[in-house]
Amino acid sequence: MISNALLASTGITLALLFLLLGQLRFLIPYRLLLIHHYGTTILLCVAVLFVNLTAALFTLGRRFFLKDTGRKLAHFDRELNSGRTQMPPHLHSQELH
């Protein structure tokens, strides 16, 4: 889940940065001045954006892709404990010890 959120937020952040770079071409003559005076602030804002996007995508992923996971796992556990489901021999709990 975390790796998916990081990958998606990296793509979204890069897309937004390229979009902004295309729209702000008129600032190219002033880039050294802007980087010198505001480089740290710009980098901090991009880092905060990246962290917030990662958190939002992680939350959305957990909300929509892990929906009813506990209920599904409880159902699977009940089936295993009832003995109706065949388990592969290498997964029996007695053989793990």
PDB file of N, CA and C in Angstrom:
ATOM      1  N   MET A   1       0.822  -1.193   0.000  1.00  0.00           N
ATOM      2  CA  MET A   1       0.000   0.000   0.000  1.00  0.00           C
ATOM      3  C   MET A   1       0.868   1.261   0.000  1.00  0.00           C
ATOM      4  N   ILE A   2       1.900   1.254   0.818  1.00  0.00           N
ATOM      5  CA  ILE A   2       2.745   2.440   0.905  1.00  0.00           C
ATOM      6  C   ILE A   2       3.483   2.669  -0.414  1.00  0.00           C
ATOM      7  N   SER A   3       3.987   1.591  -0.995  1.00  0.00           N
ATOM      8  CA  SER A   3       4.725   1.756  -2.247  1.00  0.00           C
ATOM      9  C   SER A   3       3.816   2.248  -3.368  1.00  0.00           C
ATOM     10  N   ASN A   4       2.586   1.791  -3.407  1.00  0.00           N
ATOM     11  CA  ASN A   4       1.632   2.274  -4.411  1.00  0.00           C
ATOM     12  C   ASN A   4       1.329   3.759  -4.211  1.00  0.00           C
ATOM     13  N   ALA A   5       1.154   4.157  -2.953  1.00  0.00           N
ATOM     14  CA  ALA A   5       0.877   5.567  -2.661  1.00  0.00           C
ATOM     15  C   ALA A   5       2.080   6.433  -3.023  1.00  0.00           C
ATOM     16  N   LEU A   6       3.296   5.956  -2.733  1.00  0.00           N
ATOM     17  CA  LEU A   6       4.496   6.717  -3.077  1.00  0.00           C
ATOM     18  C   LEU A   6       4.660   6.851  -4.584  1.00  0.00           C
ATOM     19  N   LEU A   7       4.420   5.775  -5.297  1.00  0.00           N
ATOM     20  CA  LEU A   7       4.547   5.812  -6.752  1.00  0.00           C
ATOM     21  C   LEU A   7       3.529   6.773  -7.372  1.00  0.00           C
ATOM     22  N   ALA A   8       2.300   6.695  -6.930  1.00  0.00           N
ATOM     23  CA  ALA A   8       1.259   7.575  -7.472  1.00  0.00           C
ATOM     24  C   ALA A   8       1.521   9.037  -7.108  1.00  0.00           C
ATOM     25  N   SER A   9       1.942   9.299  -5.879  1.00  0.00           N
ATOM     26  CA  SER A   9       2.201  10.691  -5.494  1.00  0.00           C
ATOM     27  C   SER A   9       3.429  11.244  -6.202  1.00  0.00           C
ATOM     28  N   THR A  10       4.418  10.396  -6.495  1.00  0.00           N
ATOM     29  CA  THR A  10       5.565  10.854  -7.272  1.00  0.00           C
ATOM     30  C   THR A  10       5.124  11.261  -8.678  1.00  0.00           C
ATOM     31  N   GLY A  11       4.311  10.447  -9.295  1.00  0.00           N
ATOM     32  CA  GLY A  11       3.809  10.778 -10.627  1.00  0.00           C
ATOM     33  C   GLY A  11       2.976  12.040 -10.644  1.00  0.00           C
ATOM     34  N   ILE A  12       2.102  12.199  -9.677  1.00  0.00           N
ATOM     35  CA  ILE A  12       1.244  13.384  -9.620  1.00  0.00           C
ATOM     36  C   ILE A  12       2.080  14.629  -9.346  1.00  0.00           C
ATOM     37  N   THR A  13       3.045  14.533  -8.425  1.00  0.00           N
ATOM     38  CA  THR A  13       3.893  15.678  -8.114  1.00  0.00           C
ATOM     39  C   THR A  13       4.718  16.094  -9.332  1.00  0.00           C
ATOM     40  N   LEU A  14       5.295  15.121 -10.027  1.00  0.00           N
ATOM     41  CA  LEU A  14       6.067  15.446 -11.224  1.00  0.00           C
ATOM     42  C   LEU A  14       5.185  16.068 -12.308  1.00  0.00           C
ATOM     43  N   ALA A  15       3.991  15.544 -12.475  1.00  0.00           N
ATOM     44  CA  ALA A  15       3.073  16.104 -13.471  1.00  0.00           C
ATOM     45  C   ALA A  15       2.719  17.550 -13.123  1.00  0.00           C
ATOM     46  N   LEU A  16       2.461  17.810 -11.853  1.00  0.00           N
ATOM     47  CA  LEU A  16       2.149  19.182 -11.442  1.00  0.00           C
ATOM     48  C   LEU A  16       3.340  20.112 -11.626  1.00  0.00           C
ATOM     49  N   LEU A  17       4.548  19.623 -11.307  1.00  0.00           N
ATOM     50  CA  LEU A  17       5.742  20.446 -11.488  1.00  0.00           C
ATOM     51  C   LEU A  17       5.983  20.757 -12.956  1.00  0.00           C
ATOM     52  N   PHE A  18       5.830  19.773 -13.846  1.00  0.00           N
ATOM     53  CA  PHE A  18       6.008  20.025 -15.266  1.00  0.00           C
ATOM     54  C   PHE A  18       4.941  20.972 -15.809  1.00  0.00           C
ATOM     55  N   LEU A  19       3.724  20.845 -15.313  1.00  0.00           N
ATOM     56  CA  LEU A  19       2.665  21.762 -15.716  1.00  0.00           C
ATOM     57  C   LEU A  19       2.999  23.189 -15.291  1.00  0.00           C
ATOM     58  N   LEU A  20       3.463  23.356 -14.054  1.00  0.00           N
ATOM     59  CA  LEU A  20       3.834  24.683 -13.572  1.00  0.00           C
ATOM     60  C   LEU A  20       5.025  25.244 -14.333  1.00  0.00           C
ATOM     61  N   LEU A  21       6.017  24.398 -14.614  1.00  0.00           N
ATOM     62  CA  LEU A  21       7.186  24.867 -15.357  1.00  0.00           C
ATOM     63  C   LEU A  21       6.786  25.334 -16.752  1.00  0.00           C
ATOM     64  N   GLY A  22       5.829  24.689 -17.352  1.00  0.00           N
ATOM     65  CA  GLY A  22       5.357  25.113 -18.668  1.00  0.00           C
ATOM     66  C   GLY A  22       4.586  26.419 -18.609  1.00  0.00           C
ATOM     67  N   GLN A  23       3.828  26.614 -17.540  1.00  0.00           N
ATOM     68  CA  GLN A  23       3.018  27.821 -17.421  1.00  0.00           C
ATOM     69  C   GLN A  23       3.825  29.048 -16.983  1.00  0.00           C
ATOM     70  N   LEU A  24       4.951  28.825 -16.289  1.00  0.00           N
ATOM     71  CA  LEU A  24       5.735  29.929 -15.733  1.00  0.00           C
ATOM     72  C   LEU A  24       7.014  30.191 -16.518  1.00  0.00           C
ATOM     73  N   ARG A  25       6.968  30.021 -17.829  1.00  0.00           N
ATOM     74  CA  ARG A  25       8.157  30.245 -18.667  1.00  0.00           C
ATOM     75  C   ARG A  25       8.615  31.699 -18.649  1.00  0.00           C
ATOM     76  N   PHE A  26       7.718  32.621 -18.396  1.00  0.00           N
ATOM     77  CA  PHE A  26       8.089  34.031 -18.378  1.00  0.00           C
ATOM     78  C   PHE A  26       9.028  34.369 -17.210  1.00  0.00           C
ATOM     79  N   LEU A  27       9.160  33.450 -16.236  1.00  0.00           N
ATOM     80  CA  LEU A  27      10.054  33.687 -15.100  1.00  0.00           C
ATOM     81  C   LEU A  27      11.466  33.148 -15.330  1.00  0.00           C
ATOM     82  N   ILE A  28      11.732  32.564 -16.493  1.00  0.00           N
ATOM     83  CA  ILE A  28      13.046  31.978 -16.760  1.00  0.00           C
ATOM     84  C   ILE A  28      14.183  32.996 -16.610  1.00  0.00           C
ATOM     85  N   PRO A  29      14.048  34.228 -17.069  1.00  0.00           N
ATOM     86  CA  PRO A  29      15.159  35.178 -16.883  1.00  0.00           C
ATOM     87  C   PRO A  29      15.484  35.461 -15.409  1.00  0.00           C
ATOM     88  N   TYR A  30      14.534  35.221 -14.526  1.00  0.00           N
ATOM     89  CA  TYR A  30      14.731  35.521 -13.105  1.00  0.00           C
ATOM     90  C   TYR A  30      14.989  34.272 -12.263  1.00  0.00           C
ATOM     91  N   ARG A  31      15.295  33.155 -12.906  1.00  0.00           N
ATOM     92  CA  ARG A  31      15.385  31.890 -12.174  1.00  0.00           C
ATOM     93  C   ARG A  31      16.479  31.893 -11.118  1.00  0.00           C
ATOM     94  N   LEU A  32      17.644  32.475 -11.397  1.00  0.00           N
ATOM     95  CA  LEU A  32      18.719  32.490 -10.404  1.00  0.00           C
ATOM     96  C   LEU A  32      18.315  33.303  -9.179  1.00  0.00           C
ATOM     97  N   LEU A  33      17.672  34.424  -9.424  1.00  0.00           N
ATOM     98  CA  LEU A  33      17.201  35.251  -8.319  1.00  0.00           C
ATOM     99  C   LEU A  33      16.128  34.528  -7.500  1.00  0.00           C
ATOM    100  N   LEU A  34      15.189  33.896  -8.191  1.00  0.00           N
ATOM    101  CA  LEU A  34      14.121  33.163  -7.495  1.00  0.00           C
ATOM    102  C   LEU A  34      14.675  31.990  -6.692  1.00  0.00           C
ATOM    103  N   ILE A  35      15.600  31.236  -7.298  1.00  0.00           N
ATOM    104  CA  ILE A  35      16.186  30.093  -6.589  1.00  0.00           C
ATOM    105  C   ILE A  35      16.996  30.561  -5.396  1.00  0.00           C
ATOM    106  N   HIS A  36      17.723  31.656  -5.567  1.00  0.00           N
ATOM    107  CA  HIS A  36      18.554  32.163  -4.463  1.00  0.00           C
ATOM    108  C   HIS A  36      17.689  32.627  -3.294  1.00  0.00           C
ATOM    109  N   HIS A  37      16.640  33.366  -3.581  1.00  0.00           N
ATOM    110  CA  HIS A  37      15.813  33.925  -2.503  1.00  0.00           C
ATOM    111  C   HIS A  37      14.730  32.973  -1.999  1.00  0.00           C
ATOM    112  N   TYR A  38      14.153  32.195  -2.886  1.00  0.00           N
ATOM    113  CA  TYR A  38      12.986  31.394  -2.518  1.00  0.00           C
ATOM    114  C   TYR A  38      13.167  29.893  -2.731  1.00  0.00           C
ATOM    115  N   GLY A  39      14.382  29.451  -3.024  1.00  0.00           N
ATOM    116  CA  GLY A  39      14.627  28.040  -3.312  1.00  0.00           C
ATOM    117  C   GLY A  39      14.245  27.120  -2.159  1.00  0.00           C
ATOM    118  N   THR A  40      14.609  27.494  -0.951  1.00  0.00           N
ATOM    119  CA  THR A  40      14.290  26.670   0.222  1.00  0.00           C
ATOM    120  C   THR A  40      12.786  26.593   0.445  1.00  0.00           C
ATOM    121  N   THR A  41      12.107  27.715   0.283  1.00  0.00           N
ATOM    122  CA  THR A  41      10.653  27.752   0.474  1.00  0.00           C
ATOM    123  C   THR A  41       9.944  26.920  -0.590  1.00  0.00           C
ATOM    124  N   ILE A  42      10.399  27.038  -1.826  1.00  0.00           N
ATOM    125  CA  ILE A  42       9.787  26.264  -2.908  1.00  0.00           C
ATOM    126  C   ILE A  42       9.994  24.771  -2.680  1.00  0.00           C
ATOM    127  N   LEU A  43      11.208  24.394  -2.297  1.00  0.00           N
ATOM    128  CA  LEU A  43      11.502  22.985  -2.028  1.00  0.00           C
ATOM    129  C   LEU A  43      10.677  22.460  -0.853  1.00  0.00           C
ATOM    130  N   LEU A  44      10.527  23.270   0.184  1.00  0.00           N
ATOM    131  CA  LEU A  44       9.713  22.871   1.336  1.00  0.00           C
ATOM    132  C   LEU A  44       8.244  22.702   0.935  1.00  0.00           C
ATOM    133  N   CYS A  45       7.736  23.592   0.102  1.00  0.00           N
ATOM    134  CA  CYS A  45       6.339  23.483  -0.354  1.00  0.00           C
ATOM    135  C   CYS A  45       6.128  22.231  -1.199  1.00  0.00           C
ATOM    136  N   VAL A  46       7.084  21.916  -2.057  1.00  0.00           N
ATOM    137  CA  VAL A  46       6.975  20.706  -2.875  1.00  0.00           C
ATOM    138  C   VAL A  46       7.040  19.465  -1.987  1.00  0.00           C
ATOM    139  N   ALA A  47       7.894  19.484  -0.964  1.00  0.00           N
ATOM    140  CA  ALA A  47       7.992  18.343  -0.043  1.00  0.00           C
ATOM    141  C   ALA A  47       6.694  18.158   0.742  1.00  0.00           C
ATOM    142  N   VAL A  48       6.109  19.251   1.205  1.00  0.00           N
ATOM    143  CA  VAL A  48       4.829  19.169   1.936  1.00  0.00           C
ATOM    144  C   VAL A  48       3.731  18.658   1.016  1.00  0.00           C
ATOM    145  N   LEU A  49       3.710  19.133  -0.231  1.00  0.00           N
ATOM    146  CA  LEU A  49       2.738  18.639  -1.208  1.00  0.00           C
ATOM    147  C   LEU A  49       2.897  17.142  -1.420  1.00  0.00           C
ATOM    148  N   PHE A  50       4.143  16.683  -1.561  1.00  0.00           N
ATOM    149  CA  PHE A  50       4.406  15.260  -1.778  1.00  0.00           C
ATOM    150  C   PHE A  50       3.941  14.417  -0.590  1.00  0.00           C
ATOM    151  N   VAL A  51       4.247  14.865   0.616  1.00  0.00           N
ATOM    152  CA  VAL A  51       3.841  14.116   1.819  1.00  0.00           C
ATOM    153  C   VAL A  51       2.320  14.082   1.939  1.00  0.00           C
ATOM    154  N   ASN A  52       1.672  15.216   1.678  1.00  0.00           N
ATOM    155  CA  ASN A  52       0.210  15.251   1.767  1.00  0.00           C
ATOM    156  C   ASN A  52      -0.440  14.382   0.701  1.00  0.00           C
ATOM    157  N   LEU A  53       0.100  14.401  -0.512  1.00  0.00           N
ATOM    158  CA  LEU A  53      -0.432  13.526  -1.559  1.00  0.00           C
ATOM    159  C   LEU A  53      -0.252  12.059  -1.204  1.00  0.00           C
ATOM    160  N   THR A  54       0.911  11.726  -0.660  1.00  0.00           N
ATOM    161  CA  THR A  54       1.158  10.342  -0.252  1.00  0.00           C
ATOM    162  C   THR A  54       0.161   9.909   0.818  1.00  0.00           C
ATOM    163  N   ALA A  55      -0.055  10.759   1.810  1.00  0.00           N
ATOM    164  CA  ALA A  55      -1.004  10.424   2.877  1.00  0.00           C
ATOM    165  C   ALA A  55      -2.428  10.293   2.333  1.00  0.00           C
ATOM    166  N   ALA A  56      -2.814  11.191   1.446  1.00  0.00           N
ATOM    167  CA  ALA A  56      -4.169  11.134   0.888  1.00  0.00           C
ATOM    168  C   ALA A  56      -4.356   9.879   0.041  1.00  0.00           C
ATOM    169  N   LEU A  57      -3.375   9.559  -0.783  1.00  0.00           N
ATOM    170  CA  LEU A  57      -3.494   8.363  -1.625  1.00  0.00           C
ATOM    171  C   LEU A  57      -3.450   7.084  -0.786  1.00  0.00           C
ATOM    172  N   PHE A  58      -2.659   7.082   0.273  1.00  0.00           N
ATOM    173  CA  PHE A  58      -2.630   5.930   1.178  1.00  0.00           C
ATOM    174  C   PHE A  58      -3.986   5.744   1.854  1.00  0.00           C
ATOM    175  N   THR A  59      -4.566   6.852   2.300  1.00  0.00           N
ATOM    176  CA  THR A  59      -5.883   6.787   2.947  1.00  0.00           C
ATOM    177  C   THR A  59      -6.951   6.317   1.972  1.00  0.00           C
ATOM    178  N   LEU A  60      -6.938   6.844   0.756  1.00  0.00           N
ATOM    179  CA  LEU A  60      -7.905   6.408  -0.247  1.00  0.00           C
ATOM    180  C   LEU A  60      -7.709   4.933  -0.604  1.00  0.00           C
ATOM    181  N   GLY A  61      -6.467   4.506  -0.699  1.00  0.00           N
ATOM    182  CA  GLY A  61      -6.188   3.106  -0.995  1.00  0.00           C
ATOM    183  C   GLY A  61      -6.694   2.180   0.096  1.00  0.00           C
ATOM    184  N   ARG A  62      -6.470   2.572   1.338  1.00  0.00           N
ATOM    185  CA  ARG A  62      -6.974   1.747   2.444  1.00  0.00           C
ATOM    186  C   ARG A  62      -8.497   1.742   2.469  1.00  0.00           C
ATOM    187  N   ARG A  63      -9.083   2.870   2.176  1.00  0.00           N
ATOM    188  CA  ARG A  63     -10.543   2.990   2.253  1.00  0.00           C
ATOM    189  C   ARG A  63     -11.235   2.162   1.170  1.00  0.00           C
ATOM    190  N   PHE A  64     -10.715   2.208  -0.054  1.00  0.00           N
ATOM    191  CA  PHE A  64     -11.419   1.573  -1.164  1.00  0.00           C
ATOM    192  C   PHE A  64     -10.890   0.186  -1.519  1.00  0.00           C
ATOM    193  N   PHE A  65      -9.607  -0.070  -1.300  1.00  0.00           N
ATOM    194  CA  PHE A  65      -9.051  -1.356  -1.712  1.00  0.00           C
ATOM    195  C   PHE A  65      -8.988  -2.372  -0.582  1.00  0.00           C
ATOM    196  N   LEU A  66      -9.052  -1.930   0.652  1.00  0.00           N
ATOM    197  CA  LEU A  66      -9.061  -2.854   1.782  1.00  0.00           C
ATOM    198  C   LEU A  66     -10.418  -2.862   2.472  1.00  0.00           C
ATOM    199  N   LYS A  67     -11.443  -2.617   1.701  1.00  0.00           N
ATOM    200  CA  LYS A  67     -12.795  -2.559   2.249  1.00  0.00           C
ATOM    201  C   LYS A  67     -13.231  -3.954   2.699  1.00  0.00           C
ATOM    202  N   ASP A  68     -13.769  -4.052   3.883  1.00  0.00           N
ATOM    203  CA  ASP A  68     -14.291  -5.296   4.463  1.00  0.00           C
ATOM    204  C   ASP A  68     -13.239  -6.395   4.566  1.00  0.00           C
ATOM    205  N   THR A  69     -11.988  -6.019   4.761  1.00  0.00           N
ATOM    206  CA  THR A  69     -10.933  -7.019   4.851  1.00  0.00           C
ATOM    207  C   THR A  69     -11.100  -7.885   6.096  1.00  0.00           C
ATOM    208  N   GLY A  70     -11.449  -7.279   7.213  1.00  0.00           N
ATOM    209  CA  GLY A  70     -11.628  -8.041   8.448  1.00  0.00           C
ATOM    210  C   GLY A  70     -12.742  -9.066   8.333  1.00  0.00           C
ATOM    211  N   ARG A  71     -13.819  -8.685   7.708  1.00  0.00           N
ATOM    212  CA  ARG A  71     -14.938  -9.608   7.531  1.00  0.00           C
ATOM    213  C   ARG A  71     -14.541 -10.767   6.624  1.00  0.00           C
ATOM    214  N   LYS A  72     -13.800 -10.470   5.555  1.00  0.00           N
ATOM    215  CA  LYS A  72     -13.367 -11.521   4.637  1.00  0.00           C
ATOM    216  C   LYS A  72     -12.376 -12.466   5.305  1.00  0.00           C
ATOM    217  N   LEU A  73     -11.485 -11.925   6.111  1.00  0.00           N
ATOM    218  CA  LEU A  73     -10.521 -12.775   6.806  1.00  0.00           C
ATOM    219  C   LEU A  73     -11.207 -13.622   7.869  1.00  0.00           C
ATOM    220  N   ALA A  74     -12.219 -13.084   8.539  1.00  0.00           N
ATOM    221  CA  ALA A  74     -12.959 -13.866   9.523  1.00  0.00           C
ATOM    222  C   ALA A  74     -13.693 -15.020   8.846  1.00  0.00           C
ATOM    223  N   HIS A  75     -14.258 -14.780   7.675  1.00  0.00           N
ATOM    224  CA  HIS A  75     -14.935 -15.831   6.923  1.00  0.00           C
ATOM    225  C   HIS A  75     -13.930 -16.917   6.527  1.00  0.00           C
ATOM    226  N   PHE A  76     -12.770 -16.523   6.054  1.00  0.00           N
ATOM    227  CA  PHE A  76     -11.732 -17.478   5.668  1.00  0.00           C
ATOM    228  C   PHE A  76     -11.267 -18.280   6.884  1.00  0.00           C
ATOM    229  N   ASP A  77     -11.116 -17.623   8.030  1.00  0.00           N
ATOM    230  CA  ASP A  77     -10.696 -18.304   9.251  1.00  0.00           C
ATOM    231  C   ASP A  77     -11.749 -19.314   9.704  1.00  0.00           C
ATOM    232  N   ARG A  78     -13.022 -18.954   9.602  1.00  0.00           N
ATOM    233  CA  ARG A  78     -14.083 -19.891   9.968  1.00  0.00           C
ATOM    234  C   ARG A  78     -14.070 -21.120   9.062  1.00  0.00           C
ATOM    235  N   GLU A  79     -13.841 -20.925   7.776  1.00  0.00           N
ATOM    236  CA  GLU A  79     -13.773 -22.062   6.858  1.00  0.00           C
ATOM    237  C   GLU A  79     -12.595 -22.970   7.171  1.00  0.00           C
ATOM    238  N   LEU A  80     -11.465 -22.391   7.506  1.00  0.00           N
ATOM    239  CA  LEU A  80     -10.292 -23.199   7.827  1.00  0.00           C
ATOM    240  C   LEU A  80     -10.501 -24.001   9.109  1.00  0.00           C
ATOM    241  N   ASN A  81     -11.111 -23.381  10.108  1.00  0.00           N
ATOM    242  CA  ASN A  81     -11.323 -24.057  11.387  1.00  0.00           C
ATOM    243  C   ASN A  81     -12.421 -25.106  11.317  1.00  0.00           C
ATOM    244  N   SER A  82     -13.331 -25.003  10.356  1.00  0.00           N
ATOM    245  CA  SER A  82     -14.397 -25.995  10.249  1.00  0.00           C
ATOM    246  C   SER A  82     -13.891 -27.285   9.610  1.00  0.00           C
ATOM    247  N   GLY A  83     -12.784 -27.233   8.904  1.00  0.00           N
ATOM    248  CA  GLY A  83     -12.221 -28.429   8.298  1.00  0.00           C
ATOM    249  C   GLY A  83     -12.761 -28.735   6.918  1.00  0.00           C
ATOM    250  N   ARG A  84     -13.616 -27.885   6.382  1.00  0.00           N
ATOM    251  CA  ARG A  84     -14.168 -28.121   5.061  1.00  0.00           C
ATOM    252  C   ARG A  84     -13.185 -27.774   3.951  1.00  0.00           C
ATOM    253  N   THR A  85     -12.257 -26.900   4.232  1.00  0.00           N
ATOM    254  CA  THR A  85     -11.307 -26.449   3.221  1.00  0.00           C
ATOM    255  C   THR A  85     -10.029 -27.260   3.334  1.00  0.00           C
ATOM    256  N   GLN A  86      -9.578 -27.781   2.225  1.00  0.00           N
ATOM    257  CA  GLN A  86      -8.330 -28.532   2.214  1.00  0.00           C
ATOM    258  C   GLN A  86      -7.152 -27.574   2.237  1.00  0.00           C
ATOM    259  N   MET A  87      -6.225 -27.839   3.141  1.00  0.00           N
ATOM    260  CA  MET A  87      -5.013 -27.025   3.221  1.00  0.00           C
ATOM    261  C   MET A  87      -3.865 -27.789   2.590  1.00  0.00           C
ATOM    262  N   PRO A  88      -2.992 -27.100   1.882  1.00  0.00           N
ATOM    263  CA  PRO A  88      -1.797 -27.767   1.367  1.00  0.00           C
ATOM    264  C   PRO A  88      -0.957 -28.297   2.525  1.00  0.00           C
ATOM    265  N   PRO A  89      -0.262 -29.417   2.331  1.00  0.00           N
ATOM    266  CA  PRO A  89       0.472 -30.030   3.437  1.00  0.00           C
ATOM    267  C   PRO A  89       1.536 -29.123   4.049  1.00  0.00           C
ATOM    268  N   HIS A  90       2.130 -28.256   3.269  1.00  0.00           N
ATOM    269  CA  HIS A  90       3.191 -27.414   3.819  1.00  0.00           C
ATOM    270  C   HIS A  90       2.675 -26.261   4.660  1.00  0.00           C
ATOM    271  N   LEU A  91       1.351 -26.066   4.740  1.00  0.00           N
ATOM    272  CA  LEU A  91       0.780 -24.985   5.522  1.00  0.00           C
ATOM    273  C   LEU A  91       0.117 -25.443   6.813  1.00  0.00           C
ATOM    274  N   HIS A  92       0.204 -26.725   7.137  1.00  0.00           N
ATOM    275  CA  HIS A  92      -0.395 -27.183   8.392  1.00  0.00           C
ATOM    276  C   HIS A  92       0.378 -26.629   9.572  1.00  0.00           C
ATOM    277  N   SER A  93      -0.367 -26.266  10.596  1.00  0.00           N
ATOM    278  CA  SER A  93       0.282 -25.632  11.746  1.00  0.00           C
ATOM    279  C   SER A  93       1.143 -26.619  12.533  1.00  0.00           C
ATOM    280  N   GLN A  94       0.852 -27.919  12.493  1.00  0.00           N
ATOM    281  CA  GLN A  94       1.670 -28.879  13.242  1.00  0.00           C
ATOM    282  C   GLN A  94       3.048 -29.026  12.608  1.00  0.00           C
ATOM    283  N   GLU A  95       3.138 -28.871  11.324  1.00  0.00           N
ATOM    284  CA  GLU A  95       4.420 -29.053  10.656  1.00  0.00           C
ATOM    285  C   GLU A  95       5.305 -27.831  10.738  1.00  0.00           C
ATOM    286  N   LEU A  96       4.781 -26.695  11.197  1.00  0.00           N
ATOM    287  CA  LEU A  96       5.582 -25.499  11.295  1.00  0.00           C
ATOM    288  C   LEU A  96       6.528 -25.532  12.488  1.00  0.00           C
ATOM    289  N   HIS A  97       6.232 -26.375  13.488  1.00  0.00           N
ATOM    290  CA  HIS A  97       7.062 -26.393  14.709  1.00  0.00           C
ATOM    291  C   HIS A  97       8.202 -27.310  14.572  1.00  0.00           C
TER     292      HIS A  97
END
